[in-house]
């Protein structure tokens, strides 16, 4: 394997591109209030918020499903009983 294959191009060019991209990402992160001191704390908060959001969405769906079931299930039972009574009389 030659070094162009490993680096994806001229190694010096790749290093310069990575350095420029790293500077741009560093500027954006600093503007968002993320620095070296709190980086892992922010990642932990992000993961915790995503976890909570996932279970919050499940809780939201279950709440609406149960609320709808309070109306749908009794109507379904009434329709089934009405259809069963009609089938026996025919």
Protein backbone atom coordinates (compact mmCIF):
# COMPACT_ATOMS: atom_id res chain seq x y z
CA UNK A 1 0.00 0.00 0.00
CA UNK A 2 1.31 3.40 -0.79
CA UNK A 3 0.71 6.47 1.38
CA UNK A 4 -1.63 8.14 -1.14
CA UNK A 5 -4.02 5.21 -0.74
CA UNK A 6 -3.80 5.30 3.05
CA UNK A 7 -4.32 9.08 3.38
CA UNK A 8 -6.70 9.49 0.46
CA UNK A 9 -4.36 11.79 -1.43
CA UNK A 10 -1.14 13.68 -0.91
CA UNK A 11 -0.38 13.36 2.84
CA UNK A 12 0.61 17.03 3.21
CA UNK A 13 -2.57 18.16 1.45
CA UNK A 14 -4.70 15.87 3.61
CA UNK A 15 -3.07 17.18 6.79
CA UNK A 16 -3.65 20.80 5.71
CA UNK A 17 -7.32 20.11 4.85
CA UNK A 18 -7.85 18.36 8.19
CA UNK A 19 -6.23 21.30 10.00
CA UNK A 20 -8.48 23.86 8.26
CA UNK A 21 -11.62 21.77 8.88
CA UNK A 22 -10.59 21.34 12.53
CA UNK A 23 -10.21 25.11 12.94
CA UNK A 24 -13.65 25.76 11.41
CA UNK A 25 -15.31 23.12 13.59
CA UNK A 26 -13.47 24.50 16.64
CA UNK A 27 -14.80 28.00 15.92
CA UNK A 28 -18.36 26.70 15.58
CA UNK A 29 -18.07 24.66 18.79
CA UNK A 30 -16.66 27.62 20.71
CA UNK A 31 -19.53 29.79 19.42
CA UNK A 32 -21.94 27.17 20.79
CA UNK A 33 -20.24 27.39 24.19
CA UNK A 34 -18.40 24.09 23.98
CA UNK A 35 -14.76 24.10 24.98
CA UNK A 36 -12.18 21.52 26.01
CA UNK A 37 -13.20 21.74 29.66
CA UNK A 38 -16.87 20.88 29.17
CA UNK A 39 -16.82 18.85 25.96
CA UNK A 40 -17.51 15.47 27.56
CA UNK A 41 -20.07 17.01 29.91
CA UNK A 42 -21.93 18.43 26.88
CA UNK A 43 -21.77 15.09 25.05
CA UNK A 44 -23.16 13.38 28.16
CA UNK A 45 -25.99 15.96 28.37
CA UNK A 46 -26.75 15.50 24.67
CA UNK A 47 -26.98 11.72 25.01
CA UNK A 48 -29.13 12.04 28.14
CA UNK A 49 -31.48 14.49 26.39
CA UNK A 50 -31.80 12.19 23.38
CA UNK A 51 -32.55 9.27 25.70
CA UNK A 52 -35.17 11.31 27.57
CA UNK A 53 -36.64 12.54 24.30
CA UNK A 54 -37.07 8.97 23.08
CA UNK A 55 -38.92 7.89 26.20
CA UNK A 56 -40.86 11.17 26.21
CA UNK A 57 -42.11 10.34 22.72
CA UNK A 58 -43.15 6.85 23.83
CA UNK A 59 -44.98 8.33 26.83
CA UNK A 60 -46.72 10.82 24.51
CA UNK A 61 -47.87 8.06 22.15
CA UNK A 62 -49.11 5.86 25.00
CA UNK A 63 -51.05 8.73 26.55
CA UNK A 64 -52.90 9.49 23.32
CA UNK A 65 -53.43 5.81 22.60
CA UNK A 66 -55.04 5.24 26.00
CA UNK A 67 -57.16 8.35 25.63
CA UNK A 68 -58.39 7.19 22.23
CA UNK A 69 -58.95 3.66 23.53
CA UNK A 70 -61.42 5.05 26.07
CA UNK A 71 -63.70 5.84 23.12
CA UNK A 72 -62.69 3.28 20.48
CA UNK A 73 -62.81 0.08 22.55
CA UNK A 74 -66.37 0.55 23.91
CA UNK A 75 -67.65 1.44 20.42
CA UNK A 76 -65.89 -1.65 18.99
CA UNK A 77 -67.45 -3.87 21.66
CA UNK A 78 -70.93 -2.45 20.97
CA UNK A 79 -70.52 -2.97 17.20
CA UNK A 80 -69.25 -6.54 17.71
CA UNK A 81 -72.17 -7.38 20.01
CA UNK A 82 -74.64 -5.82 17.58
CA UNK A 83 -73.17 -7.79 14.67
CA UNK A 84 -73.18 -11.01 16.72
CA UNK A 85 -76.85 -10.50 17.62
CA UNK A 86 -77.72 -9.81 13.99
CA UNK A 87 -75.82 -12.91 12.78
CA UNK A 88 -77.68 -15.22 15.19
CA UNK A 89 -81.12 -13.86 14.23
CA UNK A 90 -80.49 -14.31 10.48
